[in-house]
Full PDB file with SEQRES, HELIX, SHEET, SSBOND, CRYST1, ORIGX, SCALE, CONECT and MASTER records, all heavy atoms in Angstrom:
SEQRES   1 A   38  MET GLU ASP ILE MET MET PRO VAL PHE ILE ILE ILE VAL          
SEQRES   2 A   38  ASP GLU ILE ILE PHE ASN THR VAL ILE TYR VAL VAL GLN          
SEQRES   3 A   38  PHE LEU LEU ARG ASN ARG THR ASN LEU PHE PHE PHE              
HELIX    1 AA1 MET A    5  GLN A   26  1                                  22    
HELIX    2 AA2 LEU A   28  ARG A   30  5                                   3    
CRYST1    1.000    1.000    1.000  90.00  90.00  90.00 P 1           1          
ORIGX1      1.000000  0.000000  0.000000        0.00000                         
ORIGX2      0.000000  1.000000  0.000000        0.00000                         
ORIGX3      0.000000  0.000000  1.000000        0.00000                         
SCALE1      1.000000  0.000000  0.000000        0.00000                         
SCALE2      0.000000  1.000000  0.000000        0.00000                         
SCALE3      0.000000  0.000000  1.000000        0.00000                         
ATOM      1  N   MET A   1       0.813  -1.223  -0.003  1.00  0.00           N  
ATOM      2  CA  MET A   1       0.007   0.002   0.013  1.00  0.00           C  
ATOM      3  C   MET A   1       0.844   1.240  -0.008  1.00  0.00           C  
ATOM      4  O   MET A   1       0.441   2.280  -0.550  1.00  0.00           O  
ATOM      5  CB  MET A   1      -0.940  -0.001   1.200  1.00  0.00           C  
ATOM      6  CG  MET A   1      -2.288  -0.498   0.896  1.00  0.00           C  
ATOM      7  SD  MET A   1      -3.451  -0.107   2.140  1.00  0.00           S  
ATOM      8  CE  MET A   1      -3.454  -1.553   3.110  1.00  0.00           C  
ATOM      9  N   GLU A   2       2.003   1.209   0.612  1.00  0.00           N  
ATOM     10  CA  GLU A   2       2.847   2.411   0.709  1.00  0.00           C  
ATOM     11  C   GLU A   2       3.547   2.740  -0.606  1.00  0.00           C  
ATOM     12  O   GLU A   2       4.059   3.842  -0.793  1.00  0.00           O  
ATOM     13  CB  GLU A   2       3.881   2.276   1.834  1.00  0.00           C  
ATOM     14  CG  GLU A   2       3.268   2.255   3.205  1.00  0.00           C  
ATOM     15  CD  GLU A   2       2.652   0.891   3.554  1.00  0.00           C  
ATOM     16  OE1 GLU A   2       2.966  -0.119   2.924  1.00  0.00           O  
ATOM     17  OE2 GLU A   2       1.864   0.877   4.516  1.00  0.00           O  
ATOM     18  N   ASP A   3       3.608   1.782  -1.524  1.00  0.00           N  
ATOM     19  CA  ASP A   3       4.254   2.006  -2.806  1.00  0.00           C  
ATOM     20  C   ASP A   3       3.442   2.956  -3.661  1.00  0.00           C  
ATOM     21  O   ASP A   3       2.244   2.718  -3.845  1.00  0.00           O  
ATOM     22  CB  ASP A   3       4.451   0.657  -3.506  1.00  0.00           C  
ATOM     23  CG  ASP A   3       5.144   0.788  -4.852  1.00  0.00           C  
ATOM     24  OD1 ASP A   3       5.904   1.758  -4.967  1.00  0.00           O  
ATOM     25  OD2 ASP A   3       4.926  -0.075  -5.717  1.00  0.00           O  
ATOM     26  N   ILE A   4       4.032   4.016  -4.150  1.00  0.00           N  
ATOM     27  CA  ILE A   4       3.273   5.014  -4.904  1.00  0.00           C  
ATOM     28  C   ILE A   4       3.329   4.800  -6.407  1.00  0.00           C  
ATOM     29  O   ILE A   4       2.511   5.279  -7.166  1.00  0.00           O  
ATOM     30  CB  ILE A   4       3.719   6.446  -4.528  1.00  0.00           C  
ATOM     31  CG1 ILE A   4       2.735   7.519  -5.017  1.00  0.00           C  
ATOM     32  CG2 ILE A   4       5.117   6.727  -5.049  1.00  0.00           C  
ATOM     33  CD1 ILE A   4       1.446   7.478  -4.354  1.00  0.00           C  
ATOM     34  N   MET A   5       4.336   4.034  -6.870  1.00  0.00           N  
ATOM     35  CA  MET A   5       4.535   3.883  -8.311  1.00  0.00           C  
ATOM     36  C   MET A   5       3.420   3.083  -8.991  1.00  0.00           C  
ATOM     37  O   MET A   5       2.974   3.436 -10.062  1.00  0.00           O  
ATOM     38  CB  MET A   5       5.869   3.215  -8.619  1.00  0.00           C  
ATOM     39  CG  MET A   5       7.070   4.129  -8.331  1.00  0.00           C  
ATOM     40  SD  MET A   5       6.929   5.763  -9.065  1.00  0.00           S  
ATOM     41  CE  MET A   5       6.973   5.367 -10.749  1.00  0.00           C  
ATOM     42  N   MET A   6       2.936   2.053  -8.366  1.00  0.00           N  
ATOM     43  CA  MET A   6       1.900   1.264  -8.940  1.00  0.00           C  
ATOM     44  C   MET A   6       0.580   2.054  -9.051  1.00  0.00           C  
ATOM     45  O   MET A   6      -0.059   2.039 -10.136  1.00  0.00           O  
ATOM     46  CB  MET A   6       1.647  -0.044  -8.201  1.00  0.00           C  
ATOM     47  CG  MET A   6       0.709  -0.978  -8.900  1.00  0.00           C  
ATOM     48  SD  MET A   6       0.811  -2.594  -8.180  1.00  0.00           S  
ATOM     49  CE  MET A   6      -0.477  -3.405  -9.031  1.00  0.00           C  
ATOM     50  N   PRO A   7       0.139   2.769  -8.015  1.00  0.00           N  
ATOM     51  CA  PRO A   7      -1.051   3.607  -8.163  1.00  0.00           C  
ATOM     52  C   PRO A   7      -0.908   4.691  -9.201  1.00  0.00           C  
ATOM     53  O   PRO A   7      -1.858   4.998  -9.924  1.00  0.00           O  
ATOM     54  CB  PRO A   7      -1.261   4.217  -6.774  1.00  0.00           C  
ATOM     55  CG  PRO A   7      -0.629   3.243  -5.849  1.00  0.00           C  
ATOM     56  CD  PRO A   7       0.567   2.701  -6.621  1.00  0.00           C  
ATOM     57  N   VAL A   8       0.308   5.264  -9.355  1.00  0.00           N  
ATOM     58  CA  VAL A   8       0.524   6.245 -10.394  1.00  0.00           C  
ATOM     59  C   VAL A   8       0.356   5.620 -11.772  1.00  0.00           C  
ATOM     60  O   VAL A   8      -0.311   6.172 -12.679  1.00  0.00           O  
ATOM     61  CB  VAL A   8       1.886   6.921 -10.265  1.00  0.00           C  
ATOM     62  CG1 VAL A   8       2.266   7.711 -11.494  1.00  0.00           C  
ATOM     63  CG2 VAL A   8       1.900   7.816  -9.040  1.00  0.00           C  
ATOM     64  N   PHE A   9       0.956   4.468 -11.961  1.00  0.00           N  
ATOM     65  CA  PHE A   9       0.800   3.756 -13.263  1.00  0.00           C  
ATOM     66  C   PHE A   9      -0.700   3.410 -13.545  1.00  0.00           C  
ATOM     67  O   PHE A   9      -1.198   3.593 -14.635  1.00  0.00           O  
ATOM     68  CB  PHE A   9       1.675   2.503 -13.320  1.00  0.00           C  
ATOM     69  CG  PHE A   9       1.500   1.691 -14.530  1.00  0.00           C  
ATOM     70  CD1 PHE A   9       1.970   2.112 -15.763  1.00  0.00           C  
ATOM     71  CD2 PHE A   9       0.772   0.488 -14.484  1.00  0.00           C  
ATOM     72  CE1 PHE A   9       1.810   1.347 -16.885  1.00  0.00           C  
ATOM     73  CE2 PHE A   9       0.548  -0.304 -15.630  1.00  0.00           C  
ATOM     74  CZ  PHE A   9       1.096   0.168 -16.878  1.00  0.00           C  
ATOM     75  N   ILE A  10      -1.327   2.929 -12.510  1.00  0.00           N  
ATOM     76  CA  ILE A  10      -2.761   2.524 -12.650  1.00  0.00           C  
ATOM     77  C   ILE A  10      -3.642   3.742 -12.947  1.00  0.00           C  
ATOM     78  O   ILE A  10      -4.522   3.656 -13.828  1.00  0.00           O  
ATOM     79  CB  ILE A  10      -3.271   1.782 -11.392  1.00  0.00           C  
ATOM     80  CG1 ILE A  10      -2.583   0.435 -11.290  1.00  0.00           C  
ATOM     81  CG2 ILE A  10      -4.771   1.634 -11.391  1.00  0.00           C  
ATOM     82  CD1 ILE A  10      -2.856  -0.336 -10.006  1.00  0.00           C  
ATOM     83  N   ILE A  11      -3.360   4.887 -12.305  1.00  0.00           N  
ATOM     84  CA  ILE A  11      -4.190   6.069 -12.565  1.00  0.00           C  
ATOM     85  C   ILE A  11      -3.945   6.582 -13.973  1.00  0.00           C  
ATOM     86  O   ILE A  11      -4.854   7.130 -14.619  1.00  0.00           O  
ATOM     87  CB  ILE A  11      -4.016   7.169 -11.470  1.00  0.00           C  
ATOM     88  CG1 ILE A  11      -5.217   8.146 -11.469  1.00  0.00           C  
ATOM     89  CG2 ILE A  11      -2.769   7.951 -11.749  1.00  0.00           C  
ATOM     90  CD1 ILE A  11      -6.476   7.581 -10.996  1.00  0.00           C  
ATOM     91  N   ILE A  12      -2.763   6.415 -14.513  1.00  0.00           N  
ATOM     92  CA  ILE A  12      -2.472   6.841 -15.900  1.00  0.00           C  
ATOM     93  C   ILE A  12      -3.318   5.957 -16.852  1.00  0.00           C  
ATOM     94  O   ILE A  12      -3.972   6.512 -17.756  1.00  0.00           O  
ATOM     95  CB  ILE A  12      -0.983   6.728 -16.218  1.00  0.00           C  
ATOM     96  CG1 ILE A  12      -0.230   7.823 -15.483  1.00  0.00           C  
ATOM     97  CG2 ILE A  12      -0.740   6.832 -17.700  1.00  0.00           C  
ATOM     98  CD1 ILE A  12       1.286   7.668 -15.538  1.00  0.00           C  
ATOM     99  N   VAL A  13      -3.352   4.652 -16.598  1.00  0.00           N  
ATOM    100  CA  VAL A  13      -4.152   3.748 -17.469  1.00  0.00           C  
ATOM    101  C   VAL A  13      -5.642   4.078 -17.291  1.00  0.00           C  
ATOM    102  O   VAL A  13      -6.384   4.151 -18.292  1.00  0.00           O  
ATOM    103  CB  VAL A  13      -3.854   2.278 -17.082  1.00  0.00           C  
ATOM    104  CG1 VAL A  13      -4.803   1.352 -17.808  1.00  0.00           C  
ATOM    105  CG2 VAL A  13      -2.412   1.919 -17.405  1.00  0.00           C  
ATOM    106  N   ASP A  14      -6.066   4.348 -16.058  1.00  0.00           N  
ATOM    107  CA  ASP A  14      -7.478   4.685 -15.813  1.00  0.00           C  
ATOM    108  C   ASP A  14      -7.881   5.972 -16.546  1.00  0.00           C  
ATOM    109  O   ASP A  14      -8.952   6.061 -17.085  1.00  0.00           O  
ATOM    110  CB  ASP A  14      -7.761   4.802 -14.341  1.00  0.00           C  
ATOM    111  CG  ASP A  14      -7.734   3.485 -13.576  1.00  0.00           C  
ATOM    112  OD1 ASP A  14      -7.719   2.437 -14.263  1.00  0.00           O  
ATOM    113  OD2 ASP A  14      -7.701   3.504 -12.336  1.00  0.00           O  
ATOM    114  N   GLU A  15      -6.992   6.970 -16.477  1.00  0.00           N  
ATOM    115  CA  GLU A  15      -7.278   8.235 -17.136  1.00  0.00           C  
ATOM    116  C   GLU A  15      -7.335   8.049 -18.663  1.00  0.00           C  
ATOM    117  O   GLU A  15      -8.167   8.664 -19.323  1.00  0.00           O  
ATOM    118  CB  GLU A  15      -6.182   9.283 -16.832  1.00  0.00           C  
ATOM    119  CG  GLU A  15      -6.479  10.099 -15.578  1.00  0.00           C  
ATOM    120  CD  GLU A  15      -7.592  11.054 -15.764  1.00  0.00           C  
ATOM    121  OE1 GLU A  15      -8.006  11.440 -16.863  1.00  0.00           O  
ATOM    122  OE2 GLU A  15      -8.130  11.470 -14.725  1.00  0.00           O  
ATOM    123  N   ILE A  16      -6.424   7.215 -19.209  1.00  0.00           N  
ATOM    124  CA  ILE A  16      -6.489   6.982 -20.661  1.00  0.00           C  
ATOM    125  C   ILE A  16      -7.798   6.296 -21.033  1.00  0.00           C  
ATOM    126  O   ILE A  16      -8.466   6.707 -22.005  1.00  0.00           O  
ATOM    127  CB  ILE A  16      -5.262   6.116 -21.084  1.00  0.00           C  
ATOM    128  CG1 ILE A  16      -4.014   6.945 -21.004  1.00  0.00           C  
ATOM    129  CG2 ILE A  16      -5.476   5.575 -22.516  1.00  0.00           C  
ATOM    130  CD1 ILE A  16      -2.714   6.157 -21.165  1.00  0.00           C  
ATOM    131  N   ILE A  17      -8.228   5.335 -20.249  1.00  0.00           N  
ATOM    132  CA  ILE A  17      -9.506   4.657 -20.532  1.00  0.00           C  
ATOM    133  C   ILE A  17     -10.670   5.655 -20.379  1.00  0.00           C  
ATOM    134  O   ILE A  17     -11.514   5.765 -21.275  1.00  0.00           O  
ATOM    135  CB  ILE A  17      -9.712   3.456 -19.559  1.00  0.00           C  
ATOM    136  CG1 ILE A  17      -8.725   2.344 -19.894  1.00  0.00           C  
ATOM    137  CG2 ILE A  17     -11.123   2.936 -19.650  1.00  0.00           C  
ATOM    138  CD1 ILE A  17      -8.644   1.297 -18.819  1.00  0.00           C  
ATOM    139  N   PHE A  18     -10.666   6.403 -19.292  1.00  0.00           N  
ATOM    140  CA  PHE A  18     -11.747   7.350 -19.062  1.00  0.00           C  
ATOM    141  C   PHE A  18     -11.837   8.425 -20.168  1.00  0.00           C  
ATOM    142  O   PHE A  18     -12.878   8.703 -20.711  1.00  0.00           O  
ATOM    143  CB  PHE A  18     -11.509   8.041 -17.691  1.00  0.00           C  
ATOM    144  CG  PHE A  18     -12.593   8.985 -17.246  1.00  0.00           C  
ATOM    145  CD1 PHE A  18     -13.733   8.407 -16.659  1.00  0.00           C  
ATOM    146  CD2 PHE A  18     -12.512  10.284 -17.423  1.00  0.00           C  
ATOM    147  CE1 PHE A  18     -14.777   9.244 -16.303  1.00  0.00           C  
ATOM    148  CE2 PHE A  18     -13.527  11.167 -17.019  1.00  0.00           C  
ATOM    149  CZ  PHE A  18     -14.681  10.615 -16.418  1.00  0.00           C  
ATOM    150  N   ASN A  19     -10.669   9.008 -20.499  1.00  0.00           N  
ATOM    151  CA  ASN A  19     -10.651  10.089 -21.538  1.00  0.00           C  
ATOM    152  C   ASN A  19     -10.932   9.494 -22.940  1.00  0.00           C  
ATOM    153  O   ASN A  19     -11.483  10.225 -23.769  1.00  0.00           O  
ATOM    154  CB  ASN A  19      -9.335  10.855 -21.523  1.00  0.00           C  
ATOM    155  CG  ASN A  19      -9.322  11.828 -20.370  1.00  0.00           C  
ATOM    156  OD1 ASN A  19     -10.290  12.470 -20.040  1.00  0.00           O  
ATOM    157  ND2 ASN A  19      -8.167  11.922 -19.718  1.00  0.00           N  
ATOM    158  N   THR A  20     -10.580   8.249 -23.203  1.00  0.00           N  
ATOM    159  CA  THR A  20     -10.913   7.628 -24.477  1.00  0.00           C  
ATOM    160  C   THR A  20     -12.379   7.491 -24.609  1.00  0.00           C  
ATOM    161  O   THR A  20     -12.977   7.811 -25.679  1.00  0.00           O  
ATOM    162  CB  THR A  20     -10.220   6.307 -24.632  1.00  0.00           C  
ATOM    163  OG1 THR A  20      -8.774   6.499 -24.541  1.00  0.00           O  
ATOM    164  CG2 THR A  20     -10.523   5.641 -25.962  1.00  0.00           C  
ATOM    165  N   VAL A  21     -13.044   7.065 -23.582  1.00  0.00           N  
ATOM    166  CA  VAL A  21     -14.522   6.934 -23.615  1.00  0.00           C  
ATOM    167  C   VAL A  21     -15.140   8.282 -23.799  1.00  0.00           C  
ATOM    168  O   VAL A  21     -16.074   8.469 -24.583  1.00  0.00           O  
ATOM    169  CB  VAL A  21     -15.040   6.230 -22.335  1.00  0.00           C  
ATOM    170  CG1 VAL A  21     -16.540   6.296 -22.267  1.00  0.00           C  
ATOM    171  CG2 VAL A  21     -14.582   4.792 -22.332  1.00  0.00           C  
ATOM    172  N   ILE A  22     -14.637   9.309 -23.072  1.00  0.00           N  
ATOM    173  CA  ILE A  22     -15.154  10.697 -23.211  1.00  0.00           C  
ATOM    174  C   ILE A  22     -14.976  11.149 -24.657  1.00  0.00           C  
ATOM    175  O   ILE A  22     -15.877  11.749 -25.251  1.00  0.00           O  
ATOM    176  CB  ILE A  22     -14.442  11.635 -22.250  1.00  0.00           C  
ATOM    177  CG1 ILE A  22     -14.749  11.280 -20.820  1.00  0.00           C  
ATOM    178  CG2 ILE A  22     -14.826  13.090 -22.528  1.00  0.00           C  
ATOM    179  CD1 ILE A  22     -16.182  11.457 -20.389  1.00  0.00           C  
ATOM    180  N   TYR A  23     -13.806  10.896 -25.236  1.00  0.00           N  
ATOM    181  CA  TYR A  23     -13.538  11.330 -26.603  1.00  0.00           C  
ATOM    182  C   TYR A  23     -14.503  10.653 -27.584  1.00  0.00           C  
ATOM    183  O   TYR A  23     -15.099  11.328 -28.421  1.00  0.00           O  
ATOM    184  CB  TYR A  23     -12.095  10.989 -27.006  1.00  0.00           C  
ATOM    185  CG  TYR A  23     -11.820  11.225 -28.461  1.00  0.00           C  
ATOM    186  CD1 TYR A  23     -11.703  12.514 -28.989  1.00  0.00           C  
ATOM    187  CD2 TYR A  23     -11.727  10.175 -29.343  1.00  0.00           C  
ATOM    188  CE1 TYR A  23     -11.476  12.752 -30.322  1.00  0.00           C  
ATOM    189  CE2 TYR A  23     -11.500  10.362 -30.705  1.00  0.00           C  
ATOM    190  CZ  TYR A  23     -11.407  11.659 -31.153  1.00  0.00           C  
ATOM    191  OH  TYR A  23     -11.169  11.888 -32.496  1.00  0.00           O  
ATOM    192  N   VAL A  24     -14.693   9.355 -27.442  1.00  0.00           N  
ATOM    193  CA  VAL A  24     -15.581   8.642 -28.346  1.00  0.00           C  
ATOM    194  C   VAL A  24     -17.008   9.176 -28.233  1.00  0.00           C  
ATOM    195  O   VAL A  24     -17.669   9.452 -29.217  1.00  0.00           O  
ATOM    196  CB  VAL A  24     -15.508   7.127 -28.126  1.00  0.00           C  
ATOM    197  CG1 VAL A  24     -16.612   6.394 -28.833  1.00  0.00           C  
ATOM    198  CG2 VAL A  24     -14.161   6.601 -28.528  1.00  0.00           C  
ATOM    199  N   VAL A  25     -17.490   9.273 -26.996  1.00  0.00           N  
ATOM    200  CA  VAL A  25     -18.887   9.684 -26.814  1.00  0.00           C  
ATOM    201  C   VAL A  25     -19.162  11.149 -27.092  1.00  0.00           C  
ATOM    202  O   VAL A  25     -20.113  11.495 -27.767  1.00  0.00           O  
ATOM    203  CB  VAL A  25     -19.317   9.374 -25.341  1.00  0.00           C  
ATOM    204  CG1 VAL A  25     -20.689   9.912 -25.031  1.00  0.00           C  
ATOM    205  CG2 VAL A  25     -19.305   7.858 -25.157  1.00  0.00           C  
ATOM    206  N   GLN A  26     -18.247  12.042 -26.637  1.00  0.00           N  
ATOM    207  CA  GLN A  26     -18.556  13.461 -26.759  1.00  0.00           C  
ATOM    208  C   GLN A  26     -17.972  14.110 -28.017  1.00  0.00           C  
ATOM    209  O   GLN A  26     -18.407  15.154 -28.409  1.00  0.00           O  
ATOM    210  CB  GLN A  26     -18.078  14.202 -25.554  1.00  0.00           C  
ATOM    211  CG  GLN A  26     -18.859  13.842 -24.320  1.00  0.00           C  
ATOM    212  CD  GLN A  26     -18.447  14.643 -23.100  1.00  0.00           C  
ATOM    213  OE1 GLN A  26     -17.424  15.326 -23.091  1.00  0.00           O  
ATOM    214  NE2 GLN A  26     -19.214  14.517 -22.046  1.00  0.00           N  
ATOM    215  N   PHE A  27     -16.974  13.482 -28.647  1.00  0.00           N  
ATOM    216  CA  PHE A  27     -16.356  14.130 -29.788  1.00  0.00           C  
ATOM    217  C   PHE A  27     -16.476  13.292 -31.070  1.00  0.00           C  
ATOM    218  O   PHE A  27     -16.984  13.746 -32.091  1.00  0.00           O  
ATOM    219  CB  PHE A  27     -14.870  14.442 -29.529  1.00  0.00           C  
ATOM    220  CG  PHE A  27     -14.696  15.510 -28.506  1.00  0.00           C  
ATOM    221  CD1 PHE A  27     -14.495  15.181 -27.167  1.00  0.00           C  
ATOM    222  CD2 PHE A  27     -14.691  16.831 -28.871  1.00  0.00           C  
ATOM    223  CE1 PHE A  27     -14.356  16.179 -26.206  1.00  0.00           C  
ATOM    224  CE2 PHE A  27     -14.517  17.814 -27.925  1.00  0.00           C  
ATOM    225  CZ  PHE A  27     -14.338  17.499 -26.590  1.00  0.00           C  
ATOM    226  N   LEU A  28     -16.026  12.084 -31.016  1.00  0.00           N  
ATOM    227  CA  LEU A  28     -15.977  11.253 -32.232  1.00  0.00           C  
ATOM    228  C   LEU A  28     -17.367  10.963 -32.811  1.00  0.00           C  
ATOM    229  O   LEU A  28     -17.560  11.079 -33.978  1.00  0.00           O  
ATOM    230  CB  LEU A  28     -15.264   9.915 -31.977  1.00  0.00           C  
ATOM    231  CG  LEU A  28     -14.914   9.070 -33.162  1.00  0.00           C  
ATOM    232  CD1 LEU A  28     -13.943   9.826 -34.084  1.00  0.00           C  
ATOM    233  CD2 LEU A  28     -14.285   7.773 -32.723  1.00  0.00           C  
ATOM    234  N   LEU A  29     -18.312  10.693 -31.917  1.00  0.00           N  
ATOM    235  CA  LEU A  29     -19.672  10.435 -32.390  1.00  0.00           C  
ATOM    236  C   LEU A  29     -20.390  11.664 -32.876  1.00  0.00           C  
ATOM    237  O   LEU A  29     -21.405  11.598 -33.566  1.00  0.00           O  
ATOM    238  CB  LEU A  29     -20.531   9.759 -31.279  1.00  0.00           C  
ATOM    239  CG  LEU A  29     -20.081   8.331 -30.899  1.00  0.00           C  
ATOM    240  CD1 LEU A  29     -20.900   7.824 -29.749  1.00  0.00           C  
ATOM    241  CD2 LEU A  29     -20.112   7.419 -32.098  1.00  0.00           C  
ATOM    242  N   ARG A  30     -19.831  12.844 -32.611  1.00  0.00           N  
ATOM    243  CA  ARG A  30     -20.378  14.096 -33.088  1.00  0.00           C  
ATOM    244  C   ARG A  30     -19.535  14.666 -34.250  1.00  0.00           C  
ATOM    245  O   ARG A  30     -19.585  15.843 -34.528  1.00  0.00           O  
ATOM    246  CB  ARG A  30     -20.410  15.120 -31.964  1.00  0.00           C  
ATOM    247  CG  ARG A  30     -21.396  14.701 -30.872  1.00  0.00           C  
ATOM    248  CD  ARG A  30     -21.482  15.713 -29.768  1.00  0.00           C  
ATOM    249  NE  ARG A  30     -22.405  15.229 -28.766  1.00  0.00           N  
ATOM    250  CZ  ARG A  30     -22.505  15.758 -27.610  1.00  0.00           C  
ATOM    251  NH1 ARG A  30     -21.741  16.748 -27.241  1.00  0.00           N  
ATOM    252  NH2 ARG A  30     -23.403  15.322 -26.717  1.00  0.00           N  
ATOM    253  N   ASN A  31     -18.763  13.771 -34.861  1.00  0.00           N  
ATOM    254  CA  ASN A  31     -17.951  14.088 -36.037  1.00  0.00           C  
ATOM    255  C   ASN A  31     -16.925  15.149 -35.799  1.00  0.00           C  
ATOM    256  O   ASN A  31     -16.525  15.923 -36.657  1.00  0.00           O  
ATOM    257  CB  ASN A  31     -18.874  14.487 -37.206  1.00  0.00           C  
ATOM    258  CG  ASN A  31     -18.181  14.206 -38.531  1.00  0.00           C  
ATOM    259  OD1 ASN A  31     -17.254  13.418 -38.591  1.00  0.00           O  
ATOM    260  ND2 ASN A  31     -18.672  14.849 -39.544  1.00  0.00           N  
ATOM    261  N   ARG A  32     -16.393  15.179 -34.599  1.00  0.00           N  
ATOM    262  CA  ARG A  32     -15.255  16.008 -34.252  1.00  0.00           C  
ATOM    263  C   ARG A  32     -14.041  15.063 -34.143  1.00  0.00           C  
ATOM    264  O   ARG A  32     -13.735  14.550 -33.068  1.00  0.00           O  
ATOM    265  CB  ARG A  32     -15.435  16.766 -32.946  1.00  0.00           C  
ATOM    266  CG  ARG A  32     -16.576  17.741 -33.015  1.00  0.00           C  
ATOM    267  CD  ARG A  32     -16.710  18.448 -31.692  1.00  0.00           C  
ATOM    268  NE  ARG A  32     -17.951  19.150 -31.645  1.00  0.00           N  
ATOM    269  CZ  ARG A  32     -18.538  19.559 -30.553  1.00  0.00           C  
ATOM    270  NH1 ARG A  32     -17.955  19.288 -29.391  1.00  0.00           N  
ATOM    271  NH2 ARG A  32     -19.666  20.214 -30.571  1.00  0.00           N  
ATOM    272  N   THR A  33     -13.364  14.865 -35.230  1.00  0.00           N  
ATOM    273  CA  THR A  33     -12.365  13.812 -35.284  1.00  0.00           C  
ATOM    274  C   THR A  33     -10.910  14.275 -35.150  1.00  0.00           C  
ATOM    275  O   THR A  33     -10.005  13.524 -35.465  1.00  0.00           O  
ATOM    276  CB  THR A  33     -12.475  13.077 -36.645  1.00  0.00           C  
ATOM    277  OG1 THR A  33     -12.316  14.030 -37.688  1.00  0.00           O  
ATOM    278  CG2 THR A  33     -13.812  12.376 -36.755  1.00  0.00           C  
ATOM    279  N   ASN A  34     -10.715  15.452 -34.604  1.00  0.00           N  
ATOM    280  CA  ASN A  34      -9.344  15.960 -34.418  1.00  0.00           C  
ATOM    281  C   ASN A  34      -8.744  15.337 -33.143  1.00  0.00           C  
ATOM    282  O   ASN A  34      -8.726  15.999 -32.088  1.00  0.00           O  
ATOM    283  CB  ASN A  34      -9.370  17.479 -34.353  1.00  0.00           C  
ATOM    284  CG  ASN A  34      -7.955  18.020 -34.468  1.00  0.00           C  
ATOM    285  OD1 ASN A  34      -6.985  17.309 -34.434  1.00  0.00           O  
ATOM    286  ND2 ASN A  34      -7.874  19.356 -34.598  1.00  0.00           N  
ATOM    287  N   LEU A  35      -8.253  14.133 -33.258  1.00  0.00           N  
ATOM    288  CA  LEU A  35      -7.731  13.402 -32.106  1.00  0.00           C  
ATOM    289  C   LEU A  35      -6.468  14.093 -31.542  1.00  0.00           C  
ATOM    290  O   LEU A  35      -6.312  14.167 -30.318  1.00  0.00           O  
ATOM    291  CB  LEU A  35      -7.365  11.965 -32.477  1.00  0.00           C  
ATOM    292  CG  LEU A  35      -6.805  11.100 -31.399  1.00  0.00           C  
ATOM    293  CD1 LEU A  35      -7.796  10.944 -30.260  1.00  0.00           C  
ATOM    294  CD2 LEU A  35      -6.381   9.722 -31.936  1.00  0.00           C  
ATOM    295  N   PHE A  36      -5.611  14.640 -32.417  1.00  0.00           N  
ATOM    296  CA  PHE A  36      -4.403  15.294 -31.943  1.00  0.00           C  
ATOM    297  C   PHE A  36      -4.752  16.464 -31.021  1.00  0.00           C  
ATOM    298  O   PHE A  36      -4.123  16.674 -29.971  1.00  0.00           O  
ATOM    299  CB  PHE A  36      -3.536  15.785 -33.106  1.00  0.00           C  
ATOM    300  CG  PHE A  36      -2.312  16.481 -32.695  1.00  0.00           C  
ATOM    301  CD1 PHE A  36      -1.222  15.811 -32.117  1.00  0.00           C  
ATOM    302  CD2 PHE A  36      -2.195  17.874 -32.848  1.00  0.00           C  
ATOM    303  CE1 PHE A  36      -0.105  16.445 -31.722  1.00  0.00           C  
ATOM    304  CE2 PHE A  36      -1.061  18.528 -32.440  1.00  0.00           C  
ATOM    305  CZ  PHE A  36      -0.027  17.829 -31.845  1.00  0.00           C  
ATOM    306  N   PHE A  37      -5.718  17.278 -31.400  1.00  0.00           N  
ATOM    307  CA  PHE A  37      -6.136  18.401 -30.561  1.00  0.00           C  
ATOM    308  C   PHE A  37      -6.650  17.869 -29.210  1.00  0.00           C  
ATOM    309  O   PHE A  37      -6.301  18.447 -28.139  1.00  0.00           O  
ATOM    310  CB  PHE A  37      -7.272  19.162 -31.270  1.00  0.00           C  
ATOM    311  CG  PHE A  37      -7.808  20.287 -30.427  1.00  0.00           C  
ATOM    312  CD1 PHE A  37      -7.194  21.527 -30.370  1.00  0.00           C  
ATOM    313  CD2 PHE A  37      -8.963  20.118 -29.675  1.00  0.00           C  
ATOM    314  CE1 PHE A  37      -7.683  22.542 -29.602  1.00  0.00           C  
ATOM    315  CE2 PHE A  37      -9.471  21.104 -28.906  1.00  0.00           C  
ATOM    316  CZ  PHE A  37      -8.839  22.333 -28.883  1.00  0.00           C  
ATOM    317  N   PHE A  38      -7.443  16.824 -29.188  1.00  0.00           N  
ATOM    318  CA  PHE A  38      -7.952  16.294 -27.957  1.00  0.00           C  
ATOM    319  C   PHE A  38      -6.886  15.766 -27.078  1.00  0.00           C  
ATOM    320  O   PHE A  38      -6.859  16.012 -25.890  1.00  0.00           O  
ATOM    321  CB  PHE A  38      -9.022  15.243 -28.266  1.00  0.00           C  
ATOM    322  CG  PHE A  38      -9.773  14.785 -27.016  1.00  0.00           C  
ATOM    323  CD1 PHE A  38     -10.784  15.544 -26.547  1.00  0.00           C  
ATOM    324  CD2 PHE A  38      -9.486  13.581 -26.419  1.00  0.00           C  
ATOM    325  CE1 PHE A  38     -11.473  15.150 -25.391  1.00  0.00           C  
ATOM    326  CE2 PHE A  38     -10.149  13.197 -25.315  1.00  0.00           C  
ATOM    327  CZ  PHE A  38     -11.178  13.961 -24.788  1.00  0.00           C  
TER     328      PHE A  38                                                      
MASTER        0    0    0    2    0    0    0    6  327    1    0    3          
END                                                                             
């Protein structure tokens, strides 16, 4: 539990998953396909 590196790695993966879903739902499905900007 005291190790901070694993939670940091996990939160990075969680953020990527979370933001990917946000991108797909709020941008890609509305034909805003500028992935680099996002």
